[in-house]
Amino acid sequence: MTNALLTPYRSDDGLELKNRTVMSAMTRSFSPDHLANDAMVAYYAKRAEHGVALILTEGVVVHPSADGYNDVPHIATDAQAQSWIPVIAAVHAHGAKIACQLWHCGRISHEDYTGGVPPVSSTDVAASGVNRQNNKPYGKPHALTPEEMPAVHGYVADAARRALAVGFDAVQLHLGHGYLADQFFDARINERTDRYGGSVENRCRFALEQVAALLAAVPADKVIVRLSPSRDMGGIYDWPDLDAMLAYLIPALWAAGVRKLDISCARADYYQTSGRVIRQVRPMWPGLLMGGASLTAEQGAKEIDDGLLDLVTFGRAFIANPDLVSKIENGAAWAPFDPKMLGELV
């Protein structure tokens, strides 16, 4: 019997993939000038060569003020977008598709990365702990005013236009993992008393306005939205009011025109985090649904067979195994991930 991961997929709005495997977005920090480079071409091409159907790029920063990491790519200028053309061409040459992940870090940053200006957030309270990127406390953020929010949404919309103009097959709007939009979703962080804080509807407002701006700029069939309502942060970390948040946000995304959703768990056990959320989301979501990250091939196939997932994402397994899909096809053992592998882009 063919593993369901290896069967073709076609979405209702026309996305055609040769199988159900997705390389998840993973920050790699090998872009010191914020441009895609030859090493990145080889890195992505190698996964495409061995059969992955869809690649979600590492996070690509939509504006200098949105940065928060060492040596990550940007897509705030045409030149930055055009630097991705060789990557896209190499991926397409092997019959795979590639989506550009649009990234705004919000308060998970520091003035060292935002051009000396404070990072922006839902709040003016800095994230706790030390920023591993520069070994300094996180920067004190500026709480966005409602008047400032359209400019931020514009950065995202402009980045999406640039990405599609240079040949990306889609864009992924990153609304998860504690970054800017998630800082509005999360009632532990968002203490606002205006129309962007307090109730479930208010905490979802910023993200839904960003989605609306994005869909006004690019076709809806080219958009994937990533959420992480449950993930591991030294223990299972769920959105406050998780059930109410999902009951409101998921139908609202559908009503806005989104048709592709990625439920991500950020290195956590799938069944304790995103898999649990997916079981709540699936009855509300008739569109494309992807997730996985920590699953085996057999577990991923079962999620597809059970109607829970359409596509299965793999993260660190693709770092350790550029030929992961070939190994799935051949029933070969996967090399284990070792953190030392993060030191090279291979």
Foldseek 3Di string as FASTA:
>chain_A
DDQQQQPWDAFPVGDTWRGFEEADADDQQPAQPQADDPLLLVLLLLLLLLPGAEYEYHEAELAQLQDAAHRHHHQPDLVRLLSCLSSQVSNVVSNHAYAYEYGGAAQNHACVRNVNDAGEACDQDHDDDANPRVRHGTGRHDRDDPVRLVVVLVSVQVSQVSNVVSPHQAYEYECEDNGHLVCLQALVNNPDPDQSDDDLNNSNVSVLVSLLSNCVRDPLVRYEYEYWQWADDVHIDGGVVRLVNLVPPLLSCVVSRHQHYEHEHYPGDCVVGVVVVLVVNQVVHPGAYEEAAPDDSNVVSVCVVVVSHSHYYHYQLCLQPSSVVNCSVVVHDGDDGDVVSSVDSD
